[in-house]
Amino acid sequence: MEISASHQLALSYPSKCENLHGHNWIVTVYCRAKELDENGMVIDFTRIKNIVKGKLDHKNLNEVLPFNPTAENIARWICEQTPHCFKVEVKESESNTVVYEKD
């Protein structure tokens, strides 16, 4: 799914990313289960969209997340918030992609 959001990073070194800026993030959420639910699903896609888009889309991520909103931290947060999730890929731009995966 795609979300549009702004953020600014708190870093231990000088960077232009310390300034408020935005991205059209591409987020891929991977979920798995040993059994499907009564509807034949692991989790309804609408539920995932509500978690991710409902909280993050068209927001300043510094105002809605309680941590430094790096792509890596965002991927971990999405994974922790989404039932049955084991991996999240966050693409910040054409050449910047991170993957967070639970052990």
PDB file of N, CA and C in Angstrom:
ATOM      1  N   MET A   1       0.840  -1.176   0.000  1.00  0.00           N
ATOM      2  CA  MET A   1       0.000   0.000   0.000  1.00  0.00           C
ATOM      3  C   MET A   1       0.881   1.233   0.000  1.00  0.00           C
ATOM      4  N   GLU A   2       0.324   2.341  -0.377  1.00  0.00           N
ATOM      5  CA  GLU A   2       1.072   3.595  -0.417  1.00  0.00           C
ATOM      6  C   GLU A   2       0.514   4.551   0.614  1.00  0.00           C
ATOM      7  N   ILE A   3       1.424   5.202   1.337  1.00  0.00           N
ATOM      8  CA  ILE A   3       1.026   6.263   2.253  1.00  0.00           C
ATOM      9  C   ILE A   3       1.868   7.492   1.946  1.00  0.00           C
ATOM     10  N   SER A   4       1.291   8.641   2.157  1.00  0.00           N
ATOM     11  CA  SER A   4       2.011   9.904   2.036  1.00  0.00           C
ATOM     12  C   SER A   4       2.158  10.466   3.437  1.00  0.00           C
ATOM     13  N   ALA A   5       3.392  10.796   3.813  1.00  0.00           N
ATOM     14  CA  ALA A   5       3.620  11.301   5.162  1.00  0.00           C
ATOM     15  C   ALA A   5       4.927  12.075   5.202  1.00  0.00           C
ATOM     16  N   SER A   6       5.028  12.949   6.191  1.00  0.00           N
ATOM     17  CA  SER A   6       6.259  13.709   6.403  1.00  0.00           C
ATOM     18  C   SER A   6       6.931  13.227   7.676  1.00  0.00           C
ATOM     19  N   HIS A   7       8.214  13.527   7.770  1.00  0.00           N
ATOM     20  CA  HIS A   7       8.968  13.244   8.992  1.00  0.00           C
ATOM     21  C   HIS A   7      10.250  14.061   8.978  1.00  0.00           C
ATOM     22  N   GLN A   8      10.878  14.128  10.122  1.00  0.00           N
ATOM     23  CA  GLN A   8      12.233  14.653  10.224  1.00  0.00           C
ATOM     24  C   GLN A   8      12.959  13.772  11.220  1.00  0.00           C
ATOM     25  N   LEU A   9      14.195  13.479  10.906  1.00  0.00           N
ATOM     26  CA  LEU A   9      14.952  12.527  11.710  1.00  0.00           C
ATOM     27  C   LEU A   9      15.865  13.231  12.701  1.00  0.00           C
ATOM     28  N   ALA A  10      15.967  12.640  13.889  1.00  0.00           N
ATOM     29  CA  ALA A  10      16.941  13.076  14.887  1.00  0.00           C
ATOM     30  C   ALA A  10      18.133  12.142  14.745  1.00  0.00           C
ATOM     31  N   LEU A  11      19.238  12.670  14.234  1.00  0.00           N
ATOM     32  CA  LEU A  11      20.400  11.837  13.929  1.00  0.00           C
ATOM     33  C   LEU A  11      21.619  12.293  14.719  1.00  0.00           C
ATOM     34  N   SER A  12      22.600  11.407  14.852  1.00  0.00           N
ATOM     35  CA  SER A  12      23.827  11.724  15.585  1.00  0.00           C
ATOM     36  C   SER A  12      24.882  12.373  14.687  1.00  0.00           C
ATOM     37  N   TYR A  13      24.500  12.726  13.468  1.00  0.00           N
ATOM     38  CA  TYR A  13      25.401  13.359  12.510  1.00  0.00           C
ATOM     39  C   TYR A  13      24.590  14.349  11.677  1.00  0.00           C
ATOM     40  N   PRO A  14      25.234  15.362  11.095  1.00  0.00           N
ATOM     41  CA  PRO A  14      24.507  16.326  10.270  1.00  0.00           C
ATOM     42  C   PRO A  14      23.926  15.659   9.019  1.00  0.00           C
ATOM     43  N   SER A  15      22.668  15.967   8.724  1.00  0.00           N
ATOM     44  CA  SER A  15      22.004  15.395   7.555  1.00  0.00           C
ATOM     45  C   SER A  15      20.851  16.290   7.134  1.00  0.00           C
ATOM     46  N   LYS A  16      20.599  16.357   5.835  1.00  0.00           N
ATOM     47  CA  LYS A  16      19.448  17.118   5.354  1.00  0.00           C
ATOM     48  C   LYS A  16      18.136  16.482   5.820  1.00  0.00           C
ATOM     49  N   CYS A  17      18.188  15.206   6.227  1.00  0.00           N
ATOM     50  CA  CYS A  17      16.978  14.514   6.700  1.00  0.00           C
ATOM     51  C   CYS A  17      16.530  14.985   8.079  1.00  0.00           C
ATOM     52  N   GLU A  18      17.335  15.853   8.710  1.00  0.00           N
ATOM     53  CA  GLU A  18      16.911  16.464   9.974  1.00  0.00           C
ATOM     54  C   GLU A  18      15.845  17.529   9.734  1.00  0.00           C
ATOM     55  N   ASN A  19      15.707  17.968   8.477  1.00  0.00           N
ATOM     56  CA  ASN A  19      14.675  18.932   8.104  1.00  0.00           C
ATOM     57  C   ASN A  19      13.370  18.195   7.802  1.00  0.00           C
ATOM     58  N   LEU A  20      12.261  18.842   8.070  1.00  0.00           N
ATOM     59  CA  LEU A  20      10.959  18.253   7.755  1.00  0.00           C
ATOM     60  C   LEU A  20      10.857  18.041   6.245  1.00  0.00           C
ATOM     61  N   HIS A  21      10.488  16.819   5.853  1.00  0.00           N
ATOM     62  CA  HIS A  21      10.335  16.479   4.434  1.00  0.00           C
ATOM     63  C   HIS A  21       9.355  15.323   4.324  1.00  0.00           C
ATOM     64  N   GLY A  22       8.911  15.022   3.117  1.00  0.00           N
ATOM     65  CA  GLY A  22       7.903  13.991   2.948  1.00  0.00           C
ATOM     66  C   GLY A  22       8.276  12.950   1.915  1.00  0.00           C
ATOM     67  N   HIS A  23       7.535  11.848   1.977  1.00  0.00           N
ATOM     68  CA  HIS A  23       7.714  10.745   1.037  1.00  0.00           C
ATOM     69  C   HIS A  23       6.348  10.162   0.688  1.00  0.00           C
ATOM     70  N   ASN A  24       6.287   9.506  -0.446  1.00  0.00           N
ATOM     71  CA  ASN A  24       5.198   8.589  -0.754  1.00  0.00           C
ATOM     72  C   ASN A  24       5.762   7.199  -0.497  1.00  0.00           C
ATOM     73  N   TRP A  25       5.507   6.686   0.684  1.00  0.00           N
ATOM     74  CA  TRP A  25       6.064   5.425   1.147  1.00  0.00           C
ATOM     75  C   TRP A  25       5.278   4.264   0.538  1.00  0.00           C
ATOM     76  N   ILE A  26       5.989   3.222   0.140  1.00  0.00           N
ATOM     77  CA  ILE A  26       5.352   1.979  -0.300  1.00  0.00           C
ATOM     78  C   ILE A  26       5.606   0.950   0.804  1.00  0.00           C
ATOM     79  N   VAL A  27       4.532   0.415   1.352  1.00  0.00           N
ATOM     80  CA  VAL A  27       4.624  -0.512   2.480  1.00  0.00           C
ATOM     81  C   VAL A  27       4.056  -1.864   2.057  1.00  0.00           C
ATOM     82  N   THR A  28       4.839  -2.909   2.284  1.00  0.00           N
ATOM     83  CA  THR A  28       4.378  -4.274   2.039  1.00  0.00           C
ATOM     84  C   THR A  28       4.418  -5.023   3.359  1.00  0.00           C
ATOM     85  N   VAL A  29       3.272  -5.596   3.732  1.00  0.00           N
ATOM     86  CA  VAL A  29       3.134  -6.313   4.998  1.00  0.00           C
ATOM     87  C   VAL A  29       2.963  -7.796   4.689  1.00  0.00           C
ATOM     88  N   TYR A  30       3.773  -8.621   5.340  1.00  0.00           N
ATOM     89  CA  TYR A  30       3.719 -10.072   5.154  1.00  0.00           C
ATOM     90  C   TYR A  30       3.158 -10.712   6.416  1.00  0.00           C
ATOM     91  N   CYS A  31       2.097 -11.488   6.267  1.00  0.00           N
ATOM     92  CA  CYS A  31       1.465 -12.173   7.391  1.00  0.00           C
ATOM     93  C   CYS A  31       1.382 -13.659   7.093  1.00  0.00           C
ATOM     94  N   ARG A  32       1.375 -14.463   8.156  1.00  0.00           N
ATOM     95  CA  ARG A  32       1.232 -15.907   7.967  1.00  0.00           C
ATOM     96  C   ARG A  32       0.536 -16.506   9.179  1.00  0.00           C
ATOM     97  N   ALA A  33      -0.065 -17.673   8.941  1.00  0.00           N
ATOM     98  CA  ALA A  33      -0.721 -18.417  10.013  1.00  0.00           C
ATOM     99  C   ALA A  33      -0.734 -19.886   9.638  1.00  0.00           C
ATOM    100  N   LYS A  34      -0.760 -20.743  10.632  1.00  0.00           N
ATOM    101  CA  LYS A  34      -0.850 -22.184  10.369  1.00  0.00           C
ATOM    102  C   LYS A  34      -2.252 -22.561   9.911  1.00  0.00           C
ATOM    103  N   GLU A  35      -3.233 -21.807  10.356  1.00  0.00           N
ATOM    104  CA  GLU A  35      -4.630 -22.067  10.002  1.00  0.00           C
ATOM    105  C   GLU A  35      -5.264 -20.773   9.496  1.00  0.00           C
ATOM    106  N   LEU A  36      -6.161 -20.885   8.547  1.00  0.00           N
ATOM    107  CA  LEU A  36      -6.935 -19.729   8.096  1.00  0.00           C
ATOM    108  C   LEU A  36      -8.132 -19.547   9.006  1.00  0.00           C
ATOM    109  N   ASP A  37      -8.624 -18.331   9.108  1.00  0.00           N
ATOM    110  CA  ASP A  37      -9.797 -18.093   9.947  1.00  0.00           C
ATOM    111  C   ASP A  37     -11.063 -18.600   9.257  1.00  0.00           C
ATOM    112  N   GLU A  38     -12.204 -18.377   9.892  1.00  0.00           N
ATOM    113  CA  GLU A  38     -13.477 -18.885   9.356  1.00  0.00           C
ATOM    114  C   GLU A  38     -13.847 -18.291   8.000  1.00  0.00           C
ATOM    115  N   ASN A  39     -13.187 -17.177   7.633  1.00  0.00           N
ATOM    116  CA  ASN A  39     -13.418 -16.555   6.325  1.00  0.00           C
ATOM    117  C   ASN A  39     -12.403 -16.996   5.274  1.00  0.00           C
ATOM    118  N   GLY A  40     -11.494 -17.885   5.666  1.00  0.00           N
ATOM    119  CA  GLY A  40     -10.463 -18.337   4.735  1.00  0.00           C
ATOM    120  C   GLY A  40      -9.320 -17.352   4.587  1.00  0.00           C
ATOM    121  N   MET A  41      -9.065 -16.542   5.630  1.00  0.00           N
ATOM    122  CA  MET A  41      -8.027 -15.517   5.590  1.00  0.00           C
ATOM    123  C   MET A  41      -7.048 -15.695   6.737  1.00  0.00           C
ATOM    124  N   VAL A  42      -5.851 -15.140   6.542  1.00  0.00           N
ATOM    125  CA  VAL A  42      -4.919 -14.966   7.657  1.00  0.00           C
ATOM    126  C   VAL A  42      -5.345 -13.726   8.428  1.00  0.00           C
ATOM    127  N   ILE A  43      -5.511 -12.621   7.714  1.00  0.00           N
ATOM    128  CA  ILE A  43      -6.026 -11.364   8.261  1.00  0.00           C
ATOM    129  C   ILE A  43      -6.631 -10.583   7.101  1.00  0.00           C
ATOM    130  N   ASP A  44      -7.728  -9.924   7.341  1.00  0.00           N
ATOM    131  CA  ASP A  44      -8.384  -9.136   6.302  1.00  0.00           C
ATOM    132  C   ASP A  44      -7.492  -7.948   5.930  1.00  0.00           C
ATOM    133  N   PHE A  45      -7.289  -7.724   4.626  1.00  0.00           N
ATOM    134  CA  PHE A  45      -6.458  -6.614   4.159  1.00  0.00           C
ATOM    135  C   PHE A  45      -6.974  -5.276   4.682  1.00  0.00           C
ATOM    136  N   THR A  46      -8.282  -5.155   4.843  1.00  0.00           N
ATOM    137  CA  THR A  46      -8.854  -3.907   5.347  1.00  0.00           C
ATOM    138  C   THR A  46      -8.339  -3.607   6.749  1.00  0.00           C
ATOM    139  N   ARG A  47      -8.172  -4.632   7.542  1.00  0.00           N
ATOM    140  CA  ARG A  47      -7.655  -4.448   8.907  1.00  0.00           C
ATOM    141  C   ARG A  47      -6.212  -3.931   8.865  1.00  0.00           C
ATOM    142  N   ILE A  48      -5.412  -4.466   7.957  1.00  0.00           N
ATOM    143  CA  ILE A  48      -4.029  -3.995   7.817  1.00  0.00           C
ATOM    144  C   ILE A  48      -4.018  -2.537   7.361  1.00  0.00           C
ATOM    145  N   LYS A  49      -4.839  -2.212   6.383  1.00  0.00           N
ATOM    146  CA  LYS A  49      -4.910  -0.830   5.895  1.00  0.00           C
ATOM    147  C   LYS A  49      -5.334   0.120   6.998  1.00  0.00           C
ATOM    148  N   ASN A  50      -6.297  -0.300   7.829  1.00  0.00           N
ATOM    149  CA  ASN A  50      -6.730   0.556   8.940  1.00  0.00           C
ATOM    150  C   ASN A  50      -5.597   0.812   9.923  1.00  0.00           C
ATOM    151  N   ILE A  51      -4.790  -0.193  10.182  1.00  0.00           N
ATOM    152  CA  ILE A  51      -3.656  -0.037  11.095  1.00  0.00           C
ATOM    153  C   ILE A  51      -2.627   0.920  10.506  1.00  0.00           C
ATOM    154  N   VAL A  52      -2.246   0.688   9.261  1.00  0.00           N
ATOM    155  CA  VAL A  52      -1.155   1.456   8.655  1.00  0.00           C
ATOM    156  C   VAL A  52      -1.649   2.807   8.151  1.00  0.00           C
ATOM    157  N   LYS A  53      -2.572   2.798   7.228  1.00  0.00           N
ATOM    158  CA  LYS A  53      -3.041   4.059   6.639  1.00  0.00           C
ATOM    159  C   LYS A  53      -3.788   4.902   7.669  1.00  0.00           C
ATOM    160  N   GLY A  54      -4.571   4.237   8.502  1.00  0.00           N
ATOM    161  CA  GLY A  54      -5.342   4.973   9.502  1.00  0.00           C
ATOM    162  C   GLY A  54      -4.482   5.776  10.451  1.00  0.00           C
ATOM    163  N   LYS A  55      -3.322   5.268  10.775  1.00  0.00           N
ATOM    164  CA  LYS A  55      -2.429   5.942  11.722  1.00  0.00           C
ATOM    165  C   LYS A  55      -1.415   6.857  11.035  1.00  0.00           C
ATOM    166  N   LEU A  56      -0.955   6.489   9.821  1.00  0.00           N
ATOM    167  CA  LEU A  56       0.200   7.158   9.242  1.00  0.00           C
ATOM    168  C   LEU A  56      -0.072   8.028   8.020  1.00  0.00           C
ATOM    169  N   ASP A  57      -1.113   7.733   7.239  1.00  0.00           N
ATOM    170  CA  ASP A  57      -1.311   8.423   5.961  1.00  0.00           C
ATOM    171  C   ASP A  57      -1.648   9.895   6.153  1.00  0.00           C
ATOM    172  N   HIS A  58      -0.953  10.741   5.415  1.00  0.00           N
ATOM    173  CA  HIS A  58      -1.128  12.198   5.434  1.00  0.00           C
ATOM    174  C   HIS A  58      -0.931  12.778   6.837  1.00  0.00           C
ATOM    175  N   LYS A  59       0.098  12.261   7.498  1.00  0.00           N
ATOM    176  CA  LYS A  59       0.426  12.727   8.842  1.00  0.00           C
ATOM    177  C   LYS A  59       1.895  13.135   8.896  1.00  0.00           C
ATOM    178  N   ASN A  60       2.224  13.935   9.916  1.00  0.00           N
ATOM    179  CA  ASN A  60       3.612  14.168  10.281  1.00  0.00           C
ATOM    180  C   ASN A  60       3.966  13.044  11.243  1.00  0.00           C
ATOM    181  N   LEU A  61       4.816  12.132  10.835  1.00  0.00           N
ATOM    182  CA  LEU A  61       5.102  10.933  11.624  1.00  0.00           C
ATOM    183  C   LEU A  61       5.728  11.258  12.975  1.00  0.00           C
ATOM    184  N   ASN A  62       6.415  12.386  13.074  1.00  0.00           N
ATOM    185  CA  ASN A  62       6.972  12.793  14.355  1.00  0.00           C
ATOM    186  C   ASN A  62       5.882  13.102  15.375  1.00  0.00           C
ATOM    187  N   GLU A  63       4.703  13.450  14.900  1.00  0.00           N
ATOM    188  CA  GLU A  63       3.596  13.789  15.799  1.00  0.00           C
ATOM    189  C   GLU A  63       2.748  12.591  16.191  1.00  0.00           C
ATOM    190  N   VAL A  64       2.815  11.490  15.438  1.00  0.00           N
ATOM    191  CA  VAL A  64       1.939  10.342  15.730  1.00  0.00           C
ATOM    192  C   VAL A  64       2.690   9.091  16.187  1.00  0.00           C
ATOM    193  N   LEU A  65       4.004   9.087  16.074  1.00  0.00           N
ATOM    194  CA  LEU A  65       4.790   7.926  16.505  1.00  0.00           C
ATOM    195  C   LEU A  65       5.712   8.335  17.650  1.00  0.00           C
ATOM    196  N   PRO A  66       5.867   7.476  18.654  1.00  0.00           N
ATOM    197  CA  PRO A  66       6.657   7.840  19.845  1.00  0.00           C
ATOM    198  C   PRO A  66       8.153   7.514  19.729  1.00  0.00           C
ATOM    199  N   PHE A  67       8.697   7.530  18.506  1.00  0.00           N
ATOM    200  CA  PHE A  67      10.101   7.189  18.294  1.00  0.00           C
ATOM    201  C   PHE A  67      10.617   7.953  17.089  1.00  0.00           C
ATOM    202  N   ASN A  68      11.935   7.932  16.894  1.00  0.00           N
ATOM    203  CA  ASN A  68      12.560   8.551  15.730  1.00  0.00           C
ATOM    204  C   ASN A  68      12.038   7.825  14.481  1.00  0.00           C
ATOM    205  N   PRO A  69      11.287   8.507  13.602  1.00  0.00           N
ATOM    206  CA  PRO A  69      10.593   7.816  12.504  1.00  0.00           C
ATOM    207  C   PRO A  69      11.476   7.492  11.305  1.00  0.00           C
ATOM    208  N   THR A  70      12.515   6.690  11.539  1.00  0.00           N
ATOM    209  CA  THR A  70      13.303   6.156  10.428  1.00  0.00           C
ATOM    210  C   THR A  70      12.475   5.096   9.713  1.00  0.00           C
ATOM    211  N   ALA A  71      12.818   4.787   8.504  1.00  0.00           N
ATOM    212  CA  ALA A  71      12.106   3.731   7.771  1.00  0.00           C
ATOM    213  C   ALA A  71      12.187   2.410   8.527  1.00  0.00           C
ATOM    214  N   GLU A  72      13.334   2.150   9.149  1.00  0.00           N
ATOM    215  CA  GLU A  72      13.518   0.908   9.898  1.00  0.00           C
ATOM    216  C   GLU A  72      12.581   0.846  11.111  1.00  0.00           C
ATOM    217  N   ASN A  73      12.514   1.945  11.862  1.00  0.00           N
ATOM    218  CA  ASN A  73      11.613   1.980  13.022  1.00  0.00           C
ATOM    219  C   ASN A  73      10.151   1.883  12.607  1.00  0.00           C
ATOM    220  N   ILE A  74       9.808   2.498  11.490  1.00  0.00           N
ATOM    221  CA  ILE A  74       8.427   2.424  10.989  1.00  0.00           C
ATOM    222  C   ILE A  74       8.086   0.987  10.610  1.00  0.00           C
ATOM    223  N   ALA A  75       8.995   0.305   9.930  1.00  0.00           N
ATOM    224  CA  ALA A  75       8.754  -1.094   9.550  1.00  0.00           C
ATOM    225  C   ALA A  75       8.553  -1.965  10.789  1.00  0.00           C
ATOM    226  N   ARG A  76       9.388  -1.773  11.812  1.00  0.00           N
ATOM    227  CA  ARG A  76       9.239  -2.554  13.048  1.00  0.00           C
ATOM    228  C   ARG A  76       7.901  -2.265  13.713  1.00  0.00           C
ATOM    229  N   TRP A  77       7.517  -0.992  13.784  1.00  0.00           N
ATOM    230  CA  TRP A  77       6.254  -0.608  14.414  1.00  0.00           C
ATOM    231  C   TRP A  77       5.065  -1.258  13.699  1.00  0.00           C
ATOM    232  N   ILE A  78       5.059  -1.206  12.366  1.00  0.00           N
ATOM    233  CA  ILE A  78       3.967  -1.818  11.600  1.00  0.00           C
ATOM    234  C   ILE A  78       3.900  -3.310  11.892  1.00  0.00           C
ATOM    235  N   CYS A  79       5.049  -3.966  11.929  1.00  0.00           N
ATOM    236  CA  CYS A  79       5.093  -5.407  12.196  1.00  0.00           C
ATOM    237  C   CYS A  79       4.520  -5.714  13.583  1.00  0.00           C
ATOM    238  N   GLU A  80       4.866  -4.901  14.565  1.00  0.00           N
ATOM    239  CA  GLU A  80       4.383  -5.113  15.928  1.00  0.00           C
ATOM    240  C   GLU A  80       2.893  -4.841  16.070  1.00  0.00           C
ATOM    241  N   GLN A  81       2.347  -3.939  15.270  1.00  0.00           N
ATOM    242  CA  GLN A  81       0.933  -3.556  15.369  1.00  0.00           C
ATOM    243  C   GLN A  81      -0.002  -4.502  14.624  1.00  0.00           C
ATOM    244  N   THR A  82       0.530  -5.261  13.671  1.00  0.00           N
ATOM    245  CA  THR A  82      -0.300  -6.055  12.771  1.00  0.00           C
ATOM    246  C   THR A  82      -0.313  -7.523  13.197  1.00  0.00           C
ATOM    247  N   PRO A  83      -1.487  -8.058  13.515  1.00  0.00           N
ATOM    248  CA  PRO A  83      -1.569  -9.475  13.888  1.00  0.00           C
ATOM    249  C   PRO A  83      -1.064 -10.387  12.763  1.00  0.00           C
ATOM    250  N   HIS A  84      -0.380 -11.433  13.131  1.00  0.00           N
ATOM    251  CA  HIS A  84       0.156 -12.453  12.214  1.00  0.00           C
ATOM    252  C   HIS A  84       1.283 -11.948  11.319  1.00  0.00           C
ATOM    253  N   CYS A  85       1.743 -10.716  11.538  1.00  0.00           N
ATOM    254  CA  CYS A  85       2.798 -10.156  10.691  1.00  0.00           C
ATOM    255  C   CYS A  85       4.157 -10.709  11.111  1.00  0.00           C
ATOM    256  N   PHE A  86       4.975 -11.069  10.119  1.00  0.00           N
ATOM    257  CA  PHE A  86       6.330 -11.517  10.409  1.00  0.00           C
ATOM    258  C   PHE A  86       7.384 -10.707   9.658  1.00  0.00           C
ATOM    259  N   LYS A  87       6.954  -9.896   8.683  1.00  0.00           N
ATOM    260  CA  LYS A  87       7.914  -9.121   7.897  1.00  0.00           C
ATOM    261  C   LYS A  87       7.216  -7.903   7.305  1.00  0.00           C
ATOM    262  N   VAL A  88       7.944  -6.783   7.278  1.00  0.00           N
ATOM    263  CA  VAL A  88       7.430  -5.557   6.661  1.00  0.00           C
ATOM    264  C   VAL A  88       8.543  -4.937   5.833  1.00  0.00           C
ATOM    265  N   GLU A  89       8.184  -4.552   4.629  1.00  0.00           N
ATOM    266  CA  GLU A  89       9.096  -3.843   3.733  1.00  0.00           C
ATOM    267  C   GLU A  89       8.593  -2.413   3.596  1.00  0.00           C
ATOM    268  N   VAL A  90       9.477  -1.450   3.806  1.00  0.00           N
ATOM    269  CA  VAL A  90       9.133  -0.031   3.669  1.00  0.00           C
ATOM    270  C   VAL A  90      10.069   0.578   2.640  1.00  0.00           C
ATOM    271  N   LYS A  91       9.471   1.095   1.594  1.00  0.00           N
ATOM    272  CA  LYS A  91      10.225   1.753   0.528  1.00  0.00           C
ATOM    273  C   LYS A  91       9.982   3.251   0.670  1.00  0.00           C
ATOM    274  N   GLU A  92      11.046   3.956   1.056  1.00  0.00           N
ATOM    275  CA  GLU A  92      10.951   5.391   1.317  1.00  0.00           C
ATOM    276  C   GLU A  92      11.053   6.197   0.025  1.00  0.00           C
ATOM    277  N   SER A  93      11.855   5.688  -0.898  1.00  0.00           N
ATOM    278  CA  SER A  93      12.032   6.320  -2.201  1.00  0.00           C
ATOM    279  C   SER A  93      12.475   5.237  -3.176  1.00  0.00           C
ATOM    280  N   GLU A  94      12.695   5.603  -4.401  1.00  0.00           N
ATOM    281  CA  GLU A  94      13.052   4.633  -5.437  1.00  0.00           C
ATOM    282  C   GLU A  94      14.254   3.774  -5.061  1.00  0.00           C
ATOM    283  N   SER A  95      15.210   4.373  -4.361  1.00  0.00           N
ATOM    284  CA  SER A  95      16.437   3.634  -4.064  1.00  0.00           C
ATOM    285  C   SER A  95      16.647   3.338  -2.578  1.00  0.00           C
ATOM    286  N   ASN A  96      15.658   3.625  -1.742  1.00  0.00           N
ATOM    287  CA  ASN A  96      15.808   3.406  -0.298  1.00  0.00           C
ATOM    288  C   ASN A  96      14.707   2.491   0.219  1.00  0.00           C
ATOM    289  N   THR A  97      15.072   1.236   0.471  1.00  0.00           N
ATOM    290  CA  THR A  97      14.125   0.239   0.957  1.00  0.00           C
ATOM    291  C   THR A  97      14.710  -0.476   2.166  1.00  0.00           C
ATOM    292  N   VAL A  98      13.878  -0.696   3.174  1.00  0.00           N
ATOM    293  CA  VAL A  98      14.303  -1.477   4.331  1.00  0.00           C
ATOM    294  C   VAL A  98      13.332  -2.631   4.534  1.00  0.00           C
ATOM    295  N   VAL A  99      13.827  -3.687   5.160  1.00  0.00           N
ATOM    296  CA  VAL A  99      12.998  -4.833   5.505  1.00  0.00           C
ATOM    297  C   VAL A  99      13.212  -5.137   6.984  1.00  0.00           C
ATOM    298  N   TYR A 100      12.125  -5.213   7.726  1.00  0.00           N
ATOM    299  CA  TYR A 100      12.173  -5.654   9.118  1.00  0.00           C
ATOM    300  C   TYR A 100      11.523  -7.020   9.178  1.00  0.00           C
ATOM    301  N   GLU A 101      12.197  -7.957   9.827  1.00  0.00           N
ATOM    302  CA  GLU A 101      11.663  -9.319   9.921  1.00  0.00           C
ATOM    303  C   GLU A 101      11.839  -9.818  11.348  1.00  0.00           C
ATOM    304  N   LYS A 102      10.751 -10.364  11.906  1.00  0.00           N
ATOM    305  CA  LYS A 102      10.833 -10.978  13.232  1.00  0.00           C
ATOM    306  C   LYS A 102      11.667 -12.238  13.165  1.00  0.00           C
ATOM    307  N   ASP A 103      12.311 -12.568  14.280  1.00  0.00           N
ATOM    308  CA  ASP A 103      13.094 -13.816  14.354  1.00  0.00           C
ATOM    309  C   ASP A 103      12.211 -15.022  14.220  1.00  0.00           C
TER     310      ASP A 103
END
